[in-house]
Amino acid sequence: MAMQAKSIRVMIVDDHPVVRMGLKTMLESEDDISVVGMAGTAGEALKEIEKVDPEVVLMDLRMPGMDGTEAIAEMRRIWPGIRILVLTNYQEDEYISRTIQAGAMGYLLKRTPQEEIVKAVHALHQNARYIPDDISRRLLETIGRNRLSERELEVLTLVCKGLSNKEIAQKLFISDKTARNHVTNCLLKLGVSDRTEAATTAIKRGLIRIDD
């Protein structure tokens, strides 16, 4: 019972039954991971999440019906705290960028070794991003790592003041989704994992100044 209480609750979303079962077997070989649900489509996943309340969702991008990127955005809209790890064969820059902007916290290719997939699940459970260096470099090139836009600097300033995405959206008269995307881009461009680290890094680099 004690071990079960500590288990990381994972749901697997992939349209191939063999892949789902393989991932389930792999993940449940770990003492601290429990696969609490599986789904073959994004639509099924949205229903299943409500039932099983996973902490980490491991999902593919290309599935029948709603695609993975749309599903990620919808999951994050309904359950803002859910952590989504993409596991896919697609490595094009467009897929990576759209997926992270939609709200995924990690991105791995299906050829990734078991040890790294497990490591990524643990990272997301700790509310940290997990994007391998090669994918991260391409992602940063895609969104323009070298320079934060004026709007992103505005958003980053509000992050440093402790405002939530919703509060930032209201302050800047933008949608919640746009605010979330700006925050995500700020984290990626700064190479940090969370809002606290983003604030600390921005202030240290002199990118923003918080007036009294």
C-alpha atoms as a PDB file:
ATOM      1  CA  MET A   1       0.000   0.000   0.000  1.00  0.00           C
ATOM      2  CA  ALA A   2       2.803   2.394   0.839  1.00  0.00           C
ATOM      3  CA  MET A   3       4.463   1.795  -2.533  1.00  0.00           C
ATOM      4  CA  GLN A   4       1.162   2.253  -4.365  1.00  0.00           C
ATOM      5  CA  ALA A   5       0.622   5.562  -2.570  1.00  0.00           C
ATOM      6  CA  LYS A   6       3.962   6.786  -3.905  1.00  0.00           C
ATOM      7  CA  SER A   7       3.351   5.651  -7.491  1.00  0.00           C
ATOM      8  CA  ILE A   8       3.370   8.182 -10.312  1.00  0.00           C
ATOM      9  CA  ARG A   9      -0.008   7.850 -12.032  1.00  0.00           C
ATOM     10  CA  VAL A  10       0.536   7.634 -15.803  1.00  0.00           C
ATOM     11  CA  MET A  11      -1.911   7.390 -18.707  1.00  0.00           C
ATOM     12  CA  ILE A  12      -0.817   6.185 -22.170  1.00  0.00           C
ATOM     13  CA  VAL A  13      -2.437   7.561 -25.331  1.00  0.00           C
ATOM     14  CA  ASP A  14      -1.493   5.876 -28.635  1.00  0.00           C
ATOM     15  CA  ASP A  15      -3.578   4.457 -31.451  1.00  0.00           C
ATOM     16  CA  HIS A  16      -1.474   1.268 -31.719  1.00  0.00           C
ATOM     17  CA  PRO A  17      -2.491  -1.400 -29.141  1.00  0.00           C
ATOM     18  CA  VAL A  18       0.924  -3.086 -29.309  1.00  0.00           C
ATOM     19  CA  VAL A  19       2.661   0.214 -28.533  1.00  0.00           C
ATOM     20  CA  ARG A  20       0.299   0.875 -25.635  1.00  0.00           C
ATOM     21  CA  MET A  21       0.912  -2.539 -24.104  1.00  0.00           C
ATOM     22  CA  GLY A  22       4.658  -2.283 -24.643  1.00  0.00           C
ATOM     23  CA  LEU A  23       4.798   1.080 -22.879  1.00  0.00           C
ATOM     24  CA  LYS A  24       2.580  -0.201 -20.072  1.00  0.00           C
ATOM     25  CA  THR A  25       4.847  -3.198 -19.483  1.00  0.00           C
ATOM     26  CA  MET A  26       7.944  -1.017 -19.613  1.00  0.00           C
ATOM     27  CA  LEU A  27       6.647   1.653 -17.237  1.00  0.00           C
ATOM     28  CA  GLU A  28       5.180  -0.785 -14.735  1.00  0.00           C
ATOM     29  CA  SER A  29       8.544  -2.515 -14.459  1.00  0.00           C
ATOM     30  CA  GLU A  30       9.454   0.557 -12.389  1.00  0.00           C
ATOM     31  CA  ASP A  31       8.558   0.374  -8.691  1.00  0.00           C
ATOM     32  CA  ASP A  32       7.194   3.905  -8.515  1.00  0.00           C
ATOM     33  CA  ILE A  33       5.106   4.130 -11.718  1.00  0.00           C
ATOM     34  CA  SER A  34       1.529   2.896 -12.191  1.00  0.00           C
ATOM     35  CA  VAL A  35      -0.284   2.953 -15.539  1.00  0.00           C
ATOM     36  CA  VAL A  36      -3.811   3.919 -14.500  1.00  0.00           C
ATOM     37  CA  GLY A  37      -5.374   4.229 -17.952  1.00  0.00           C
ATOM     38  CA  MET A  38      -4.878   3.838 -21.690  1.00  0.00           C
ATOM     39  CA  ALA A  39      -6.618   5.305 -24.741  1.00  0.00           C
ATOM     40  CA  GLY A  40      -6.395   4.867 -28.514  1.00  0.00           C
ATOM     41  CA  THR A  41      -7.639   8.319 -29.533  1.00  0.00           C
ATOM     42  CA  ALA A  42      -7.564  11.827 -28.153  1.00  0.00           C
ATOM     43  CA  GLY A  43     -11.319  11.729 -27.667  1.00  0.00           C
ATOM     44  CA  GLU A  44     -11.045   8.559 -25.579  1.00  0.00           C
ATOM     45  CA  ALA A  45      -8.201  10.151 -23.625  1.00  0.00           C
ATOM     46  CA  LEU A  46     -10.281  13.174 -22.644  1.00  0.00           C
ATOM     47  CA  LYS A  47     -12.975  10.868 -21.225  1.00  0.00           C
ATOM     48  CA  GLU A  48     -10.465   8.582 -19.520  1.00  0.00           C
ATOM     49  CA  ILE A  49      -8.592  11.395 -17.787  1.00  0.00           C
ATOM     50  CA  GLU A  50     -11.786  12.345 -15.988  1.00  0.00           C
ATOM     51  CA  LYS A  51     -12.047   8.799 -14.618  1.00  0.00           C
ATOM     52  CA  VAL A  52      -8.470   7.931 -13.693  1.00  0.00           C
ATOM     53  CA  ASP A  53      -6.935  11.335 -12.804  1.00  0.00           C
ATOM     54  CA  PRO A  54      -3.377  10.756 -14.131  1.00  0.00           C
ATOM     55  CA  GLU A  55      -0.455  12.929 -13.093  1.00  0.00           C
ATOM     56  CA  VAL A  56       1.490  12.369 -16.334  1.00  0.00           C
ATOM     57  CA  VAL A  57       0.022  11.664 -19.786  1.00  0.00           C
ATOM     58  CA  LEU A  58       2.338   9.925 -22.268  1.00  0.00           C
ATOM     59  CA  MET A  59       0.934  10.454 -25.757  1.00  0.00           C
ATOM     60  CA  ASP A  60       1.535  10.249 -29.497  1.00  0.00           C
ATOM     61  CA  LEU A  61       0.739  13.129 -31.852  1.00  0.00           C
ATOM     62  CA  ARG A  62      -0.871  11.451 -34.861  1.00  0.00           C
ATOM     63  CA  MET A  63      -4.103   9.661 -34.022  1.00  0.00           C
ATOM     64  CA  PRO A  64      -7.569   9.291 -35.582  1.00  0.00           C
ATOM     65  CA  GLY A  65      -9.899  12.243 -35.068  1.00  0.00           C
ATOM     66  CA  MET A  66      -8.479  15.082 -32.994  1.00  0.00           C
ATOM     67  CA  ASP A  67      -4.714  15.288 -33.432  1.00  0.00           C
ATOM     68  CA  GLY A  68      -2.283  15.323 -30.555  1.00  0.00           C
ATOM     69  CA  THR A  69      -1.610  19.050 -30.573  1.00  0.00           C
ATOM     70  CA  GLU A  70      -5.295  19.897 -30.352  1.00  0.00           C
ATOM     71  CA  ALA A  71      -5.719  17.297 -27.620  1.00  0.00           C
ATOM     72  CA  ILE A  72      -2.845  18.755 -25.587  1.00  0.00           C
ATOM     73  CA  ALA A  73      -4.330  22.239 -25.753  1.00  0.00           C
ATOM     74  CA  GLU A  74      -7.741  20.903 -24.719  1.00  0.00           C
ATOM     75  CA  MET A  75      -6.298  18.870 -21.846  1.00  0.00           C
ATOM     76  CA  ARG A  76      -4.420  21.874 -20.534  1.00  0.00           C
ATOM     77  CA  ARG A  77      -7.527  24.025 -20.843  1.00  0.00           C
ATOM     78  CA  ILE A  78      -9.622  21.609 -18.795  1.00  0.00           C
ATOM     79  CA  TRP A  79      -6.890  20.422 -16.409  1.00  0.00           C
ATOM     80  CA  PRO A  80      -4.240  23.203 -16.248  1.00  0.00           C
ATOM     81  CA  GLY A  81      -1.995  21.192 -13.931  1.00  0.00           C
ATOM     82  CA  ILE A  82      -1.787  18.070 -16.077  1.00  0.00           C
ATOM     83  CA  ARG A  83       1.690  17.136 -17.329  1.00  0.00           C
ATOM     84  CA  ILE A  84       1.947  15.859 -20.877  1.00  0.00           C
ATOM     85  CA  LEU A  85       4.928  14.000 -22.334  1.00  0.00           C
ATOM     86  CA  VAL A  86       4.871  13.526 -26.112  1.00  0.00           C
ATOM     87  CA  LEU A  87       6.312  10.261 -27.450  1.00  0.00           C
ATOM     88  CA  THR A  88       6.220  10.252 -31.242  1.00  0.00           C
ATOM     89  CA  ASN A  89       8.010   9.394 -34.468  1.00  0.00           C
ATOM     90  CA  TYR A  90       7.648  12.960 -35.742  1.00  0.00           C
ATOM     91  CA  GLN A  91      10.665  15.196 -35.322  1.00  0.00           C
ATOM     92  CA  GLU A  92       9.911  18.070 -37.703  1.00  0.00           C
ATOM     93  CA  ASP A  93      10.456  21.514 -36.199  1.00  0.00           C
ATOM     94  CA  GLU A  94       6.829  22.499 -36.772  1.00  0.00           C
ATOM     95  CA  TYR A  95       5.543  19.563 -34.725  1.00  0.00           C
ATOM     96  CA  ILE A  96       7.935  20.275 -31.879  1.00  0.00           C
ATOM     97  CA  SER A  97       7.145  23.989 -31.718  1.00  0.00           C
ATOM     98  CA  ARG A  98       3.361  23.587 -31.961  1.00  0.00           C
ATOM     99  CA  THR A  99       3.318  20.843 -29.362  1.00  0.00           C
ATOM    100  CA  ILE A 100       5.295  22.756 -26.752  1.00  0.00           C
ATOM    101  CA  GLN A 101       3.253  25.898 -27.359  1.00  0.00           C
ATOM    102  CA  ALA A 102       0.080  23.850 -26.889  1.00  0.00           C
ATOM    103  CA  GLY A 103       1.264  22.946 -23.400  1.00  0.00           C
ATOM    104  CA  ALA A 104       3.334  19.744 -23.534  1.00  0.00           C
ATOM    105  CA  MET A 105       6.146  19.655 -20.981  1.00  0.00           C
ATOM    106  CA  GLY A 106       8.277  17.048 -22.716  1.00  0.00           C
ATOM    107  CA  TYR A 107       9.018  15.724 -26.196  1.00  0.00           C
ATOM    108  CA  LEU A 108      10.668  12.396 -26.978  1.00  0.00           C
ATOM    109  CA  LEU A 109      11.016  10.235 -30.068  1.00  0.00           C
ATOM    110  CA  LYS A 110       9.776   6.646 -29.937  1.00  0.00           C
ATOM    111  CA  ARG A 111      13.287   5.349 -30.465  1.00  0.00           C
ATOM    112  CA  THR A 112      14.282   6.880 -27.103  1.00  0.00           C
ATOM    113  CA  PRO A 113      15.768   4.272 -24.714  1.00  0.00           C
ATOM    114  CA  GLN A 114      13.620   3.049 -21.830  1.00  0.00           C
ATOM    115  CA  GLU A 115      15.846   4.681 -19.230  1.00  0.00           C
ATOM    116  CA  GLU A 116      15.338   8.123 -20.729  1.00  0.00           C
ATOM    117  CA  ILE A 117      11.569   7.723 -21.039  1.00  0.00           C
ATOM    118  CA  VAL A 118      11.422   6.796 -17.351  1.00  0.00           C
ATOM    119  CA  LYS A 119      13.673   9.734 -16.510  1.00  0.00           C
ATOM    120  CA  ALA A 120      11.344  12.054 -18.431  1.00  0.00           C
ATOM    121  CA  VAL A 121       8.273  10.740 -16.591  1.00  0.00           C
ATOM    122  CA  HIS A 122       9.995  11.458 -13.274  1.00  0.00           C
ATOM    123  CA  ALA A 123      10.997  14.943 -14.419  1.00  0.00           C
ATOM    124  CA  LEU A 124       7.458  15.856 -15.440  1.00  0.00           C
ATOM    125  CA  HIS A 125       6.123  14.466 -12.177  1.00  0.00           C
ATOM    126  CA  GLN A 126       8.418  16.977 -10.459  1.00  0.00           C
ATOM    127  CA  ASN A 127       6.856  19.678 -12.672  1.00  0.00           C
ATOM    128  CA  ALA A 128      10.037  20.091 -14.741  1.00  0.00           C
ATOM    129  CA  ARG A 129      10.274  20.117 -18.528  1.00  0.00           C
ATOM    130  CA  TYR A 130      12.080  17.320 -20.337  1.00  0.00           C
ATOM    131  CA  ILE A 131      13.300  18.141 -23.834  1.00  0.00           C
ATOM    132  CA  PRO A 132      16.513  16.447 -25.058  1.00  0.00           C
ATOM    133  CA  ASP A 133      19.338  18.744 -26.095  1.00  0.00           C
ATOM    134  CA  ASP A 134      19.068  18.073 -29.828  1.00  0.00           C
ATOM    135  CA  ILE A 135      15.333  18.780 -29.896  1.00  0.00           C
ATOM    136  CA  SER A 136      15.754  21.759 -27.594  1.00  0.00           C
ATOM    137  CA  ARG A 137      18.339  23.347 -29.905  1.00  0.00           C
ATOM    138  CA  ARG A 138      16.051  23.030 -32.904  1.00  0.00           C
ATOM    139  CA  LEU A 139      13.112  24.350 -30.938  1.00  0.00           C
ATOM    140  CA  LEU A 140      15.051  27.368 -29.769  1.00  0.00           C
ATOM    141  CA  GLU A 141      16.155  28.097 -33.322  1.00  0.00           C
ATOM    142  CA  THR A 142      12.557  27.880 -34.480  1.00  0.00           C
ATOM    143  CA  ILE A 143      11.215  30.389 -31.973  1.00  0.00           C
ATOM    144  CA  GLY A 144      14.257  32.671 -32.092  1.00  0.00           C
ATOM    145  CA  ARG A 145      16.346  32.089 -29.009  1.00  0.00           C
ATOM    146  CA  ASN A 146      18.550  35.148 -29.202  1.00  0.00           C
ATOM    147  CA  ARG A 147      15.994  37.790 -28.453  1.00  0.00           C
ATOM    148  CA  LEU A 148      12.828  38.145 -26.444  1.00  0.00           C
ATOM    149  CA  SER A 149      10.179  40.223 -28.175  1.00  0.00           C
ATOM    150  CA  GLU A 150       8.831  43.381 -26.547  1.00  0.00           C
ATOM    151  CA  ARG A 151       5.613  41.551 -25.701  1.00  0.00           C
ATOM    152  CA  GLU A 152       7.545  38.657 -24.172  1.00  0.00           C
ATOM    153  CA  LEU A 153       9.494  41.100 -22.023  1.00  0.00           C
ATOM    154  CA  GLU A 154       6.176  42.582 -20.860  1.00  0.00           C
ATOM    155  CA  VAL A 155       4.917  39.112 -20.008  1.00  0.00           C
ATOM    156  CA  LEU A 156       8.166  38.182 -18.269  1.00  0.00           C
ATOM    157  CA  THR A 157       7.966  41.317 -16.130  1.00  0.00           C
ATOM    158  CA  LEU A 158       4.484  40.306 -14.987  1.00  0.00           C
ATOM    159  CA  VAL A 159       5.690  36.749 -14.311  1.00  0.00           C
ATOM    160  CA  CYS A 160       8.381  38.215 -12.082  1.00  0.00           C
ATOM    161  CA  LYS A 161       5.687  40.126 -10.209  1.00  0.00           C
ATOM    162  CA  GLY A 162       3.955  36.857  -9.473  1.00  0.00           C
ATOM    163  CA  LEU A 163       0.984  37.153 -11.824  1.00  0.00           C
ATOM    164  CA  SER A 164      -0.707  33.998 -13.132  1.00  0.00           C
ATOM    165  CA  ASN A 165      -1.346  33.412 -16.833  1.00  0.00           C
ATOM    166  CA  LYS A 166      -4.968  34.487 -16.372  1.00  0.00           C
ATOM    167  CA  GLU A 167      -3.910  37.686 -14.589  1.00  0.00           C
ATOM    168  CA  ILE A 168      -1.336  38.422 -17.309  1.00  0.00           C
ATOM    169  CA  ALA A 169      -4.020  37.938 -19.962  1.00  0.00           C
ATOM    170  CA  GLN A 170      -6.326  40.379 -18.188  1.00  0.00           C
ATOM    171  CA  LYS A 171      -3.553  42.904 -17.655  1.00  0.00           C
ATOM    172  CA  LEU A 172      -2.455  42.877 -21.307  1.00  0.00           C
ATOM    173  CA  PHE A 173      -5.938  42.390 -22.806  1.00  0.00           C
ATOM    174  CA  ILE A 174      -4.987  39.124 -24.503  1.00  0.00           C
ATOM    175  CA  SER A 175      -6.477  35.621 -24.321  1.00  0.00           C
ATOM    176  CA  ASP A 176      -5.428  33.113 -21.670  1.00  0.00           C
ATOM    177  CA  LYS A 177      -4.031  30.880 -24.430  1.00  0.00           C
ATOM    178  CA  THR A 178      -1.908  33.720 -25.857  1.00  0.00           C
ATOM    179  CA  ALA A 179      -0.578  34.545 -22.400  1.00  0.00           C
ATOM    180  CA  ARG A 180       0.305  30.889 -21.823  1.00  0.00           C
ATOM    181  CA  ASN A 181       2.124  30.701 -25.168  1.00  0.00           C
ATOM    182  CA  HIS A 182       4.127  33.842 -24.363  1.00  0.00           C
ATOM    183  CA  VAL A 183       5.142  32.394 -20.983  1.00  0.00           C
ATOM    184  CA  THR A 184       6.153  29.108 -22.636  1.00  0.00           C
ATOM    185  CA  ASN A 185       8.290  30.956 -25.192  1.00  0.00           C
ATOM    186  CA  CYS A 186       9.961  32.937 -22.413  1.00  0.00           C
ATOM    187  CA  LEU A 187      10.886  29.731 -20.568  1.00  0.00           C
ATOM    188  CA  LEU A 188      12.242  28.153 -23.725  1.00  0.00           C
ATOM    189  CA  LYS A 189      14.254  31.182 -24.804  1.00  0.00           C
ATOM    190  CA  LEU A 190      15.750  31.520 -21.337  1.00  0.00           C
ATOM    191  CA  GLY A 191      16.468  27.788 -21.168  1.00  0.00           C
ATOM    192  CA  VAL A 192      14.692  27.343 -17.828  1.00  0.00           C
ATOM    193  CA  SER A 193      12.128  24.879 -16.483  1.00  0.00           C
ATOM    194  CA  ASP A 194       9.676  26.976 -14.498  1.00  0.00           C
ATOM    195  CA  ARG A 195       8.403  30.479 -13.781  1.00  0.00           C
ATOM    196  CA  THR A 196      10.515  30.973 -10.655  1.00  0.00           C
ATOM    197  CA  GLU A 197      13.714  30.132 -12.501  1.00  0.00           C
ATOM    198  CA  ALA A 198      12.625  32.370 -15.383  1.00  0.00           C
ATOM    199  CA  ALA A 199      12.171  35.314 -13.025  1.00  0.00           C
ATOM    200  CA  THR A 200      15.524  34.742 -11.338  1.00  0.00           C
ATOM    201  CA  THR A 201      17.356  34.337 -14.661  1.00  0.00           C
ATOM    202  CA  ALA A 202      15.721  37.405 -16.230  1.00  0.00           C
ATOM    203  CA  ILE A 203      16.650  39.619 -13.301  1.00  0.00           C
ATOM    204  CA  LYS A 204      20.230  38.281 -13.142  1.00  0.00           C
ATOM    205  CA  ARG A 205      20.696  38.924 -16.864  1.00  0.00           C
ATOM    206  CA  GLY A 206      19.292  42.421 -16.556  1.00  0.00           C
ATOM    207  CA  LEU A 207      16.532  41.658 -19.045  1.00  0.00           C
ATOM    208  CA  ILE A 208      13.932  43.226 -16.805  1.00  0.00           C
ATOM    209  CA  ARG A 209      13.820  45.450 -13.759  1.00  0.00           C
ATOM    210  CA  ILE A 210      11.197  45.216 -11.059  1.00  0.00           C
ATOM    211  CA  ASP A 211      10.444  48.678  -9.736  1.00  0.00           C
ATOM    212  CA  ASP A 212       9.414  49.102  -6.146  1.00  0.00           C
END
